Amino acid sequence: MNKEKSAVDWLFEQMPFEYRSSRAAFEAYKIALEMEKQFLIGFYIQAAMKDNKLPYGIQYYGKLEEVTQEAEDLYNETFNNQQP
């Protein structure tokens, strides 16, 4: 199964090799990937909560854990935590 390429992966690949081969560039890449992952998971959670019309409270927090796991699974399935 082909995996999608994240925006961070694409951008990193566009950089000349001499820039992306440095340790600092690789560390920045890893941080950017994690930031992108957290953003996409947060977006998924917000959409799911709005779609389910759940108010904040006990019901919300019970569903939140389930939706967070769904979001992480979807991210990992889609992007497969690709390395450069």
C-alpha atoms as a PDB file:
ATOM      1  CA  MET A   1       0.000   0.000   0.000  1.00  0.00           C
ATOM      2  CA  ASN A   2       1.417   3.379  -0.977  1.00  0.00           C
ATOM      3  CA  LYS A   3       1.665   5.854   1.843  1.00  0.00           C
ATOM      4  CA  GLU A   4       0.947   9.533   1.496  1.00  0.00           C
ATOM      5  CA  LYS A   5       3.731  12.070   1.791  1.00  0.00           C
ATOM      6  CA  SER A   6       3.305  14.729   4.440  1.00  0.00           C
ATOM      7  CA  ALA A   7       3.939  18.393   3.684  1.00  0.00           C
ATOM      8  CA  VAL A   8       6.997  18.287   5.934  1.00  0.00           C
ATOM      9  CA  ASP A   9       8.385  15.268   4.059  1.00  0.00           C
ATOM     10  CA  TRP A  10       7.830  16.967   0.725  1.00  0.00           C
ATOM     11  CA  LEU A  11       9.495  20.187   1.836  1.00  0.00           C
ATOM     12  CA  PHE A  12      12.470  18.340   3.315  1.00  0.00           C
ATOM     13  CA  GLU A  13      12.972  16.463   0.037  1.00  0.00           C
ATOM     14  CA  GLN A  14      13.016  19.758  -1.893  1.00  0.00           C
ATOM     15  CA  MET A  15      15.987  21.051   0.093  1.00  0.00           C
ATOM     16  CA  PRO A  16      19.426  20.595  -1.439  1.00  0.00           C
ATOM     17  CA  PHE A  17      21.232  17.576   0.010  1.00  0.00           C
ATOM     18  CA  GLU A  18      23.980  19.669   1.599  1.00  0.00           C
ATOM     19  CA  TYR A  19      21.352  21.447   3.740  1.00  0.00           C
ATOM     20  CA  ARG A  20      19.223  18.464   4.718  1.00  0.00           C
ATOM     21  CA  SER A  21      22.201  16.208   5.476  1.00  0.00           C
ATOM     22  CA  SER A  22      23.201  18.178   8.561  1.00  0.00           C
ATOM     23  CA  ARG A  23      22.297  16.966  12.053  1.00  0.00           C
ATOM     24  CA  ALA A  24      20.545  20.267  12.815  1.00  0.00           C
ATOM     25  CA  ALA A  25      18.371  19.961   9.705  1.00  0.00           C
ATOM     26  CA  PHE A  26      17.414  16.407  10.615  1.00  0.00           C
ATOM     27  CA  GLU A  27      16.513  17.436  14.177  1.00  0.00           C
ATOM     28  CA  ALA A  28      14.397  20.305  12.824  1.00  0.00           C
ATOM     29  CA  TYR A  29      12.742  17.849  10.413  1.00  0.00           C
ATOM     30  CA  LYS A  30      11.826  15.476  13.256  1.00  0.00           C
ATOM     31  CA  ILE A  31      10.384  18.335  15.320  1.00  0.00           C
ATOM     32  CA  ALA A  32       8.391  19.624  12.330  1.00  0.00           C
ATOM     33  CA  LEU A  33       6.999  16.131  11.667  1.00  0.00           C
ATOM     34  CA  GLU A  34       5.823  15.820  15.263  1.00  0.00           C
ATOM     35  CA  MET A  35       4.258  19.292  15.141  1.00  0.00           C
ATOM     36  CA  GLU A  36       2.453  18.421  11.916  1.00  0.00           C
ATOM     37  CA  LYS A  37       1.259  15.131  13.430  1.00  0.00           C
ATOM     38  CA  GLN A  38      -0.120  16.858  16.536  1.00  0.00           C
ATOM     39  CA  PHE A  39      -1.841  19.486  14.394  1.00  0.00           C
ATOM     40  CA  LEU A  40      -3.544  16.856  12.214  1.00  0.00           C
ATOM     41  CA  ILE A  41      -4.586  14.780  15.231  1.00  0.00           C
ATOM     42  CA  GLY A  42      -6.006  17.887  16.919  1.00  0.00           C
ATOM     43  CA  PHE A  43      -7.923  18.771  13.769  1.00  0.00           C
ATOM     44  CA  TYR A  44      -9.368  15.236  13.590  1.00  0.00           C
ATOM     45  CA  ILE A  45     -10.418  15.378  17.255  1.00  0.00           C
ATOM     46  CA  GLN A  46     -12.126  18.750  16.866  1.00  0.00           C
ATOM     47  CA  ALA A  47     -13.992  17.579  13.774  1.00  0.00           C
ATOM     48  CA  ALA A  48     -15.121  14.367  15.486  1.00  0.00           C
ATOM     49  CA  MET A  49     -16.300  16.172  18.596  1.00  0.00           C
ATOM     50  CA  LYS A  50     -18.219  18.752  16.559  1.00  0.00           C
ATOM     51  CA  ASP A  51     -19.692  16.021  14.367  1.00  0.00           C
ATOM     52  CA  ASN A  52     -20.874  14.101  17.437  1.00  0.00           C
ATOM     53  CA  LYS A  53     -22.232  17.305  18.996  1.00  0.00           C
ATOM     54  CA  LEU A  54     -20.787  16.297  22.342  1.00  0.00           C
ATOM     55  CA  PRO A  55     -20.775  18.885  25.128  1.00  0.00           C
ATOM     56  CA  TYR A  56     -17.727  19.189  27.339  1.00  0.00           C
ATOM     57  CA  GLY A  57     -17.907  17.026  30.443  1.00  0.00           C
ATOM     58  CA  ILE A  58     -17.796  13.350  31.335  1.00  0.00           C
ATOM     59  CA  GLN A  59     -19.293  12.246  28.027  1.00  0.00           C
ATOM     60  CA  TYR A  60     -16.750  14.353  26.114  1.00  0.00           C
ATOM     61  CA  TYR A  61     -13.730  13.027  27.969  1.00  0.00           C
ATOM     62  CA  GLY A  62     -14.842   9.412  27.565  1.00  0.00           C
ATOM     63  CA  LYS A  63     -15.118   9.893  23.806  1.00  0.00           C
ATOM     64  CA  LEU A  64     -11.947  11.994  23.613  1.00  0.00           C
ATOM     65  CA  GLU A  65      -9.641   9.073  24.414  1.00  0.00           C
ATOM     66  CA  GLU A  66     -11.304   6.913  21.755  1.00  0.00           C
ATOM     67  CA  VAL A  67     -11.163   9.635  19.099  1.00  0.00           C
ATOM     68  CA  THR A  68      -7.541  10.462  19.925  1.00  0.00           C
ATOM     69  CA  GLN A  69      -6.574   6.832  19.336  1.00  0.00           C
ATOM     70  CA  GLU A  70      -8.535   6.795  16.056  1.00  0.00           C
ATOM     71  CA  ALA A  71      -6.705   9.940  14.944  1.00  0.00           C
ATOM     72  CA  GLU A  72      -3.268   8.519  15.788  1.00  0.00           C
ATOM     73  CA  ASP A  73      -4.078   5.244  14.025  1.00  0.00           C
ATOM     74  CA  LEU A  74      -5.247   7.116  10.928  1.00  0.00           C
ATOM     75  CA  TYR A  75      -2.122   9.286  10.888  1.00  0.00           C
ATOM     76  CA  ASN A  76       0.177   6.281  11.259  1.00  0.00           C
ATOM     77  CA  GLU A  77      -1.705   4.356   8.594  1.00  0.00           C
ATOM     78  CA  THR A  78      -1.632   7.288   6.182  1.00  0.00           C
ATOM     79  CA  PHE A  79       1.919   8.484   6.671  1.00  0.00           C
ATOM     80  CA  ASN A  80       3.531   5.383   8.192  1.00  0.00           C
ATOM     81  CA  ASN A  81       5.945   7.610  10.125  1.00  0.00           C
ATOM     82  CA  GLN A  82       8.166   7.971   7.057  1.00  0.00           C
ATOM     83  CA  GLN A  83      11.869   8.688   7.397  1.00  0.00           C
ATOM     84  CA  PRO A  84      13.812  10.836   4.912  1.00  0.00           C
END
